[in-house]
Amino acid sequence: MYFSEIRRVLKRKGLNFSSVRNHHDKSYDKGKVDKGIYDIDGFQIIFFTEKQIEGLVPAQGFEILWIREECEEPVTVYLISSKRK
């Protein structure tokens, strides 16, 4: 998984910045869905809610510093700043 590799190479209390597509994205709820993964024009995408991020990130050994929504047409993402515990 993504966070296990980040945790492996990041020093304790090291910072991680990442982005994920979110449920406000124009492509959300379009395309074929299989186990929460959308296939949109051959791209496999997972869309996250802020609540999902708030559950996932700490469970992987990171403290969330902030979450911000950014929109750059046609994509809407959450920018996530976190620190390894």
PDB file of N, CA and C in Angstrom:
ATOM      1  N   MET A   1       0.832  -1.186   0.000  1.00  0.00           N
ATOM      2  CA  MET A   1       0.000   0.000   0.000  1.00  0.00           C
ATOM      3  C   MET A   1       0.875   1.247   0.000  1.00  0.00           C
ATOM      4  N   TYR A   2       0.323   2.313  -0.462  1.00  0.00           N
ATOM      5  CA  TYR A   2       1.005   3.602  -0.596  1.00  0.00           C
ATOM      6  C   TYR A   2       1.672   4.049   0.706  1.00  0.00           C
ATOM      7  N   PHE A   3       0.913   4.068   1.795  1.00  0.00           N
ATOM      8  CA  PHE A   3       1.452   4.589   3.045  1.00  0.00           C
ATOM      9  C   PHE A   3       2.508   3.689   3.659  1.00  0.00           C
ATOM     10  N   SER A   4       2.437   2.395   3.448  1.00  0.00           N
ATOM     11  CA  SER A   4       3.464   1.521   4.019  1.00  0.00           C
ATOM     12  C   SER A   4       4.830   1.819   3.404  1.00  0.00           C
ATOM     13  N   GLU A   5       4.872   2.119   2.123  1.00  0.00           N
ATOM     14  CA  GLU A   5       6.149   2.463   1.471  1.00  0.00           C
ATOM     15  C   GLU A   5       6.637   3.836   1.924  1.00  0.00           C
ATOM     16  N   ILE A   6       5.729   4.799   2.039  1.00  0.00           N
ATOM     17  CA  ILE A   6       6.110   6.125   2.534  1.00  0.00           C
ATOM     18  C   ILE A   6       6.650   6.002   3.956  1.00  0.00           C
ATOM     19  N   ARG A   7       5.968   5.259   4.800  1.00  0.00           N
ATOM     20  CA  ARG A   7       6.401   5.065   6.188  1.00  0.00           C
ATOM     21  C   ARG A   7       7.772   4.388   6.242  1.00  0.00           C
ATOM     22  N   ARG A   8       8.019   3.473   5.332  1.00  0.00           N
ATOM     23  CA  ARG A   8       9.292   2.741   5.315  1.00  0.00           C
ATOM     24  C   ARG A   8      10.476   3.673   5.044  1.00  0.00           C
ATOM     25  N   VAL A   9      10.323   4.629   4.135  1.00  0.00           N
ATOM     26  CA  VAL A   9      11.453   5.473   3.741  1.00  0.00           C
ATOM     27  C   VAL A   9      11.498   6.823   4.461  1.00  0.00           C
ATOM     28  N   LEU A  10      10.419   7.207   5.121  1.00  0.00           N
ATOM     29  CA  LEU A  10      10.356   8.516   5.760  1.00  0.00           C
ATOM     30  C   LEU A  10      10.814   8.414   7.217  1.00  0.00           C
ATOM     31  N   LYS A  11      11.663   9.349   7.629  1.00  0.00           N
ATOM     32  CA  LYS A  11      12.120   9.385   9.016  1.00  0.00           C
ATOM     33  C   LYS A  11      10.953   9.658   9.953  1.00  0.00           C
ATOM     34  N   ARG A  12      11.117   9.255  11.203  1.00  0.00           N
ATOM     35  CA  ARG A  12      10.113   9.533  12.225  1.00  0.00           C
ATOM     36  C   ARG A  12       9.891  11.042  12.292  1.00  0.00           C
ATOM     37  N   LYS A  13       8.650  11.452  12.341  1.00  0.00           N
ATOM     38  CA  LYS A  13       8.208  12.848  12.336  1.00  0.00           C
ATOM     39  C   LYS A  13       8.475  13.556  11.008  1.00  0.00           C
ATOM     40  N   GLY A  14       8.831  12.778   9.962  1.00  0.00           N
ATOM     41  CA  GLY A  14       9.020  13.343   8.632  1.00  0.00           C
ATOM     42  C   GLY A  14       7.688  13.754   8.030  1.00  0.00           C
ATOM     43  N   LEU A  15       7.732  14.713   7.103  1.00  0.00           N
ATOM     44  CA  LEU A  15       6.523  15.245   6.484  1.00  0.00           C
ATOM     45  C   LEU A  15       6.224  14.559   5.153  1.00  0.00           C
ATOM     46  N   ASN A  16       4.940  14.379   4.889  1.00  0.00           N
ATOM     47  CA  ASN A  16       4.477  13.800   3.635  1.00  0.00           C
ATOM     48  C   ASN A  16       3.385  14.707   3.066  1.00  0.00           C
ATOM     49  N   PHE A  17       3.500  15.034   1.797  1.00  0.00           N
ATOM     50  CA  PHE A  17       2.487  15.818   1.103  1.00  0.00           C
ATOM     51  C   PHE A  17       1.966  14.972  -0.049  1.00  0.00           C
ATOM     52  N   SER A  18       0.657  14.841  -0.142  1.00  0.00           N
ATOM     53  CA  SER A  18       0.082  14.032  -1.207  1.00  0.00           C
ATOM     54  C   SER A  18      -1.246  14.638  -1.643  1.00  0.00           C
ATOM     55  N   SER A  19      -1.756  14.122  -2.738  1.00  0.00           N
ATOM     56  CA  SER A  19      -3.062  14.568  -3.222  1.00  0.00           C
ATOM     57  C   SER A  19      -3.852  13.359  -3.691  1.00  0.00           C
ATOM     58  N   VAL A  20      -5.166  13.456  -3.522  1.00  0.00           N
ATOM     59  CA  VAL A  20      -6.072  12.406  -3.985  1.00  0.00           C
ATOM     60  C   VAL A  20      -7.280  13.070  -4.634  1.00  0.00           C
ATOM     61  N   ARG A  21      -7.835  12.413  -5.614  1.00  0.00           N
ATOM     62  CA  ARG A  21      -9.071  12.906  -6.227  1.00  0.00           C
ATOM     63  C   ARG A  21     -10.179  12.814  -5.181  1.00  0.00           C
ATOM     64  N   ASN A  22     -11.101  13.775  -5.241  1.00  0.00           N
ATOM     65  CA  ASN A  22     -12.171  13.737  -4.254  1.00  0.00           C
ATOM     66  C   ASN A  22     -13.551  13.660  -4.896  1.00  0.00           C
ATOM     67  N   HIS A  23     -14.534  13.476  -4.060  1.00  0.00           N
ATOM     68  CA  HIS A  23     -15.908  13.239  -4.519  1.00  0.00           C
ATOM     69  C   HIS A  23     -16.577  14.477  -5.109  1.00  0.00           C
ATOM     70  N   HIS A  24     -15.917  15.623  -5.119  1.00  0.00           N
ATOM     71  CA  HIS A  24     -16.448  16.808  -5.800  1.00  0.00           C
ATOM     72  C   HIS A  24     -15.962  16.888  -7.248  1.00  0.00           C
ATOM     73  N   ASP A  25     -15.069  15.987  -7.636  1.00  0.00           N
ATOM     74  CA  ASP A  25     -14.507  15.943  -8.987  1.00  0.00           C
ATOM     75  C   ASP A  25     -15.625  15.698 -10.014  1.00  0.00           C
ATOM     76  N   LYS A  26     -15.514  16.335 -11.158  1.00  0.00           N
ATOM     77  CA  LYS A  26     -16.541  16.188 -12.206  1.00  0.00           C
ATOM     78  C   LYS A  26     -16.666  14.750 -12.710  1.00  0.00           C
ATOM     79  N   SER A  27     -15.620  13.968 -12.584  1.00  0.00           N
ATOM     80  CA  SER A  27     -15.659  12.577 -13.053  1.00  0.00           C
ATOM     81  C   SER A  27     -16.237  11.616 -12.023  1.00  0.00           C
ATOM     82  N   TYR A  28     -16.454  12.108 -10.807  1.00  0.00           N
ATOM     83  CA  TYR A  28     -16.989  11.240  -9.758  1.00  0.00           C
ATOM     84  C   TYR A  28     -18.349  10.693 -10.167  1.00  0.00           C
ATOM     85  N   ASP A  29     -18.535   9.413  -9.893  1.00  0.00           N
ATOM     86  CA  ASP A  29     -19.788   8.717 -10.163  1.00  0.00           C
ATOM     87  C   ASP A  29     -20.050   8.520 -11.654  1.00  0.00           C
ATOM     88  N   LYS A  30     -18.988   8.581 -12.444  1.00  0.00           N
ATOM     89  CA  LYS A  30     -19.093   8.286 -13.876  1.00  0.00           C
ATOM     90  C   LYS A  30     -18.163   7.109 -14.165  1.00  0.00           C
ATOM     91  N   GLY A  31     -18.430   6.412 -15.208  1.00  0.00           N
ATOM     92  CA  GLY A  31     -17.592   5.274 -15.556  1.00  0.00           C
ATOM     93  C   GLY A  31     -18.011   4.018 -14.819  1.00  0.00           C
ATOM     94  N   LYS A  32     -17.333   2.949 -15.116  1.00  0.00           N
ATOM     95  CA  LYS A  32     -17.628   1.649 -14.531  1.00  0.00           C
ATOM     96  C   LYS A  32     -16.933   1.514 -13.180  1.00  0.00           C
ATOM     97  N   VAL A  33     -17.681   1.013 -12.199  1.00  0.00           N
ATOM     98  CA  VAL A  33     -17.151   0.887 -10.845  1.00  0.00           C
ATOM     99  C   VAL A  33     -16.952  -0.584 -10.505  1.00  0.00           C
ATOM    100  N   ASP A  34     -15.770  -0.889  -9.929  1.00  0.00           N
ATOM    101  CA  ASP A  34     -15.495  -2.232  -9.428  1.00  0.00           C
ATOM    102  C   ASP A  34     -14.750  -2.076  -8.110  1.00  0.00           C
ATOM    103  N   LYS A  35     -15.402  -2.457  -7.014  1.00  0.00           N
ATOM    104  CA  LYS A  35     -14.816  -2.387  -5.673  1.00  0.00           C
ATOM    105  C   LYS A  35     -14.349  -0.970  -5.325  1.00  0.00           C
ATOM    106  N   GLY A  36     -15.136   0.026  -5.677  1.00  0.00           N
ATOM    107  CA  GLY A  36     -14.818   1.413  -5.344  1.00  0.00           C
ATOM    108  C   GLY A  36     -13.828   2.082  -6.280  1.00  0.00           C
ATOM    109  N   ILE A  37     -13.387   1.367  -7.302  1.00  0.00           N
ATOM    110  CA  ILE A  37     -12.455   1.925  -8.280  1.00  0.00           C
ATOM    111  C   ILE A  37     -13.218   2.206  -9.564  1.00  0.00           C
ATOM    112  N   TYR A  38     -13.142   3.448 -10.011  1.00  0.00           N
ATOM    113  CA  TYR A  38     -13.828   3.856 -11.233  1.00  0.00           C
ATOM    114  C   TYR A  38     -12.882   3.707 -12.421  1.00  0.00           C
ATOM    115  N   ASP A  39     -13.389   3.156 -13.501  1.00  0.00           N
ATOM    116  CA  ASP A  39     -12.644   3.100 -14.757  1.00  0.00           C
ATOM    117  C   ASP A  39     -13.223   4.187 -15.650  1.00  0.00           C
ATOM    118  N   ILE A  40     -12.430   5.228 -15.838  1.00  0.00           N
ATOM    119  CA  ILE A  40     -12.864   6.372 -16.635  1.00  0.00           C
ATOM    120  C   ILE A  40     -11.891   6.542 -17.793  1.00  0.00           C
ATOM    121  N   ASP A  41     -12.361   6.200 -18.976  1.00  0.00           N
ATOM    122  CA  ASP A  41     -11.538   6.293 -20.187  1.00  0.00           C
ATOM    123  C   ASP A  41     -10.208   5.559 -20.043  1.00  0.00           C
ATOM    124  N   GLY A  42     -10.238   4.396 -19.412  1.00  0.00           N
ATOM    125  CA  GLY A  42      -9.036   3.581 -19.271  1.00  0.00           C
ATOM    126  C   GLY A  42      -8.168   3.923 -18.069  1.00  0.00           C
ATOM    127  N   PHE A  43      -8.548   4.931 -17.306  1.00  0.00           N
ATOM    128  CA  PHE A  43      -7.810   5.291 -16.093  1.00  0.00           C
ATOM    129  C   PHE A  43      -8.574   4.779 -14.882  1.00  0.00           C
ATOM    130  N   GLN A  44      -7.871   4.133 -13.971  1.00  0.00           N
ATOM    131  CA  GLN A  44      -8.502   3.639 -12.758  1.00  0.00           C
ATOM    132  C   GLN A  44      -8.313   4.677 -11.658  1.00  0.00           C
ATOM    133  N   ILE A  45      -9.424   5.153 -11.098  1.00  0.00           N
ATOM    134  CA  ILE A  45      -9.400   6.259 -10.147  1.00  0.00           C
ATOM    135  C   ILE A  45     -10.234   5.908  -8.923  1.00  0.00           C
ATOM    136  N   ILE A  46      -9.696   6.245  -7.757  1.00  0.00           N
ATOM    137  CA  ILE A  46     -10.449   6.151  -6.509  1.00  0.00           C
ATOM    138  C   ILE A  46     -10.719   7.575  -6.046  1.00  0.00           C
ATOM    139  N   PHE A  47     -11.959   7.868  -5.716  1.00  0.00           N
ATOM    140  CA  PHE A  47     -12.350   9.182  -5.225  1.00  0.00           C
ATOM    141  C   PHE A  47     -12.567   9.082  -3.718  1.00  0.00           C
ATOM    142  N   PHE A  48     -12.038  10.042  -2.968  1.00  0.00           N
ATOM    143  CA  PHE A  48     -12.104  10.019  -1.513  1.00  0.00           C
ATOM    144  C   PHE A  48     -12.944  11.165  -0.974  1.00  0.00           C
ATOM    145  N   THR A  49     -13.575  10.911   0.168  1.00  0.00           N
ATOM    146  CA  THR A  49     -14.212  11.973   0.932  1.00  0.00           C
ATOM    147  C   THR A  49     -13.216  12.398   2.011  1.00  0.00           C
ATOM    148  N   GLU A  50     -13.423  13.568   2.561  1.00  0.00           N
ATOM    149  CA  GLU A  50     -12.541  14.032   3.641  1.00  0.00           C
ATOM    150  C   GLU A  50     -12.620  13.085   4.838  1.00  0.00           C
ATOM    151  N   LYS A  51     -13.798  12.578   5.109  1.00  0.00           N
ATOM    152  CA  LYS A  51     -13.982  11.642   6.225  1.00  0.00           C
ATOM    153  C   LYS A  51     -13.170  10.358   6.007  1.00  0.00           C
ATOM    154  N   GLN A  52     -13.133   9.864   4.772  1.00  0.00           N
ATOM    155  CA  GLN A  52     -12.333   8.665   4.477  1.00  0.00           C
ATOM    156  C   GLN A  52     -10.855   8.928   4.729  1.00  0.00           C
ATOM    157  N   ILE A  53     -10.377  10.086   4.315  1.00  0.00           N
ATOM    158  CA  ILE A  53      -8.971  10.444   4.527  1.00  0.00           C
ATOM    159  C   ILE A  53      -8.674  10.523   6.019  1.00  0.00           C
ATOM    160  N   GLU A  54      -9.592  11.149   6.762  1.00  0.00           N
ATOM    161  CA  GLU A  54      -9.410  11.285   8.210  1.00  0.00           C
ATOM    162  C   GLU A  54      -9.368   9.933   8.916  1.00  0.00           C
ATOM    163  N   GLY A  55      -9.955   8.908   8.329  1.00  0.00           N
ATOM    164  CA  GLY A  55      -9.882   7.566   8.895  1.00  0.00           C
ATOM    165  C   GLY A  55      -8.669   6.796   8.409  1.00  0.00           C
ATOM    166  N   LEU A  56      -8.327   6.963   7.152  1.00  0.00           N
ATOM    167  CA  LEU A  56      -7.245   6.189   6.538  1.00  0.00           C
ATOM    168  C   LEU A  56      -5.851   6.637   6.974  1.00  0.00           C
ATOM    169  N   VAL A  57      -5.588   7.924   6.919  1.00  0.00           N
ATOM    170  CA  VAL A  57      -4.235   8.434   7.163  1.00  0.00           C
ATOM    171  C   VAL A  57      -3.740   8.110   8.580  1.00  0.00           C
ATOM    172  N   PRO A  58      -4.504   8.424   9.646  1.00  0.00           N
ATOM    173  CA  PRO A  58      -4.030   8.073  10.989  1.00  0.00           C
ATOM    174  C   PRO A  58      -3.873   6.559  11.197  1.00  0.00           C
ATOM    175  N   ALA A  59      -4.726   5.781  10.564  1.00  0.00           N
ATOM    176  CA  ALA A  59      -4.640   4.325  10.690  1.00  0.00           C
ATOM    177  C   ALA A  59      -3.353   3.774  10.089  1.00  0.00           C
ATOM    178  N   GLN A  60      -2.721   4.552   9.220  1.00  0.00           N
ATOM    179  CA  GLN A  60      -1.478   4.120   8.576  1.00  0.00           C
ATOM    180  C   GLN A  60      -0.241   4.673   9.285  1.00  0.00           C
ATOM    181  N   GLY A  61      -0.433   5.301  10.446  1.00  0.00           N
ATOM    182  CA  GLY A  61       0.697   5.769  11.236  1.00  0.00           C
ATOM    183  C   GLY A  61       1.118   7.199  10.955  1.00  0.00           C
ATOM    184  N   PHE A  62       0.195   8.017  10.451  1.00  0.00           N
ATOM    185  CA  PHE A  62       0.491   9.414  10.143  1.00  0.00           C
ATOM    186  C   PHE A  62      -0.498  10.323  10.865  1.00  0.00           C
ATOM    187  N   GLU A  63      -0.032  11.496  11.247  1.00  0.00           N
ATOM    188  CA  GLU A  63      -0.870  12.526  11.833  1.00  0.00           C
ATOM    189  C   GLU A  63      -1.208  13.529  10.733  1.00  0.00           C
ATOM    190  N   ILE A  64      -2.478  13.830  10.552  1.00  0.00           N
ATOM    191  CA  ILE A  64      -2.888  14.813   9.546  1.00  0.00           C
ATOM    192  C   ILE A  64      -2.605  16.210  10.083  1.00  0.00           C
ATOM    193  N   LEU A  65      -1.879  17.011   9.321  1.00  0.00           N
ATOM    194  CA  LEU A  65      -1.629  18.401   9.687  1.00  0.00           C
ATOM    195  C   LEU A  65      -2.703  19.297   9.098  1.00  0.00           C
ATOM    196  N   TRP A  66      -3.060  19.069   7.845  1.00  0.00           N
ATOM    197  CA  TRP A  66      -4.158  19.786   7.210  1.00  0.00           C
ATOM    198  C   TRP A  66      -4.611  19.065   5.946  1.00  0.00           C
ATOM    199  N   ILE A  67      -5.857  19.347   5.569  1.00  0.00           N
ATOM    200  CA  ILE A  67      -6.451  18.868   4.318  1.00  0.00           C
ATOM    201  C   ILE A  67      -7.074  20.081   3.646  1.00  0.00           C
ATOM    202  N   ARG A  68      -6.738  20.267   2.372  1.00  0.00           N
ATOM    203  CA  ARG A  68      -7.301  21.396   1.615  1.00  0.00           C
ATOM    204  C   ARG A  68      -7.831  20.898   0.282  1.00  0.00           C
ATOM    205  N   GLU A  69      -8.945  21.459  -0.112  1.00  0.00           N
ATOM    206  CA  GLU A  69      -9.502  21.120  -1.422  1.00  0.00           C
ATOM    207  C   GLU A  69      -8.991  22.110  -2.460  1.00  0.00           C
ATOM    208  N   GLU A  70      -8.564  21.585  -3.604  1.00  0.00           N
ATOM    209  CA  GLU A  70      -8.092  22.409  -4.714  1.00  0.00           C
ATOM    210  C   GLU A  70      -8.778  21.940  -5.984  1.00  0.00           C
ATOM    211  N   CYS A  71      -9.169  22.892  -6.805  1.00  0.00           N
ATOM    212  CA  CYS A  71      -9.795  22.569  -8.079  1.00  0.00           C
ATOM    213  C   CYS A  71      -8.986  23.192  -9.201  1.00  0.00           C
ATOM    214  N   GLU A  72      -8.524  22.360 -10.094  1.00  0.00           N
ATOM    215  CA  GLU A  72      -7.870  22.812 -11.317  1.00  0.00           C
ATOM    216  C   GLU A  72      -8.537  22.033 -12.430  1.00  0.00           C
ATOM    217  N   GLU A  73      -9.488  22.678 -13.087  1.00  0.00           N
ATOM    218  CA  GLU A  73     -10.323  22.015 -14.092  1.00  0.00           C
ATOM    219  C   GLU A  73      -9.504  21.078 -14.970  1.00  0.00           C
ATOM    220  N   PRO A  74      -9.974  19.884 -15.176  1.00  0.00           N
ATOM    221  CA  PRO A  74     -11.242  19.304 -14.747  1.00  0.00           C
ATOM    222  C   PRO A  74     -11.138  18.495 -13.453  1.00  0.00           C
ATOM    223  N   VAL A  75     -10.036  18.610 -12.735  1.00  0.00           N
ATOM    224  CA  VAL A  75      -9.771  17.751 -11.583  1.00  0.00           C
ATOM    225  C   VAL A  75      -9.959  18.519 -10.272  1.00  0.00           C
ATOM    226  N   THR A  76     -10.594  17.845  -9.295  1.00  0.00           N
ATOM    227  CA  THR A  76     -10.714  18.386  -7.946  1.00  0.00           C
ATOM    228  C   THR A  76     -10.051  17.389  -7.005  1.00  0.00           C
ATOM    229  N   VAL A  77      -9.120  17.883  -6.189  1.00  0.00           N
ATOM    230  CA  VAL A  77      -8.349  17.012  -5.307  1.00  0.00           C
ATOM    231  C   VAL A  77      -8.367  17.537  -3.878  1.00  0.00           C
ATOM    232  N   TYR A  78      -8.004  16.645  -2.961  1.00  0.00           N
ATOM    233  CA  TYR A  78      -7.650  17.051  -1.615  1.00  0.00           C
ATOM    234  C   TYR A  78      -6.139  17.027  -1.543  1.00  0.00           C
ATOM    235  N   LEU A  79      -5.544  18.116  -1.081  1.00  0.00           N
ATOM    236  CA  LEU A  79      -4.132  18.156  -0.769  1.00  0.00           C
ATOM    237  C   LEU A  79      -4.013  17.804   0.706  1.00  0.00           C
ATOM    238  N   ILE A  80      -3.106  16.883   1.012  1.00  0.00           N
ATOM    239  CA  ILE A  80      -2.999  16.377   2.376  1.00  0.00           C
ATOM    240  C   ILE A  80      -1.568  16.568   2.859  1.00  0.00           C
ATOM    241  N   SER A  81      -1.442  17.203   4.009  1.00  0.00           N
ATOM    242  CA  SER A  81      -0.153  17.343   4.682  1.00  0.00           C
ATOM    243  C   SER A  81      -0.223  16.456   5.916  1.00  0.00           C
ATOM    244  N   SER A  82       0.755  15.562   6.050  1.00  0.00           N
ATOM    245  CA  SER A  82       0.752  14.670   7.193  1.00  0.00           C
ATOM    246  C   SER A  82       2.176  14.474   7.706  1.00  0.00           C
ATOM    247  N   LYS A  83       2.262  13.997   8.939  1.00  0.00           N
ATOM    248  CA  LYS A  83       3.553  13.765   9.581  1.00  0.00           C
ATOM    249  C   LYS A  83       3.590  12.331  10.098  1.00  0.00           C
ATOM    250  N   ARG A  84       4.704  11.666   9.859  1.00  0.00           N
ATOM    251  CA  ARG A  84       4.856  10.292  10.361  1.00  0.00           C
ATOM    252  C   ARG A  84       4.960  10.323  11.877  1.00  0.00           C
ATOM    253  N   LYS A  85       4.216   9.441  12.523  1.00  0.00           N
ATOM    254  CA  LYS A  85       4.238   9.362  13.995  1.00  0.00           C
ATOM    255  C   LYS A  85       5.518   8.707  14.469  1.00  0.00           C
TER     256      LYS A  85
END
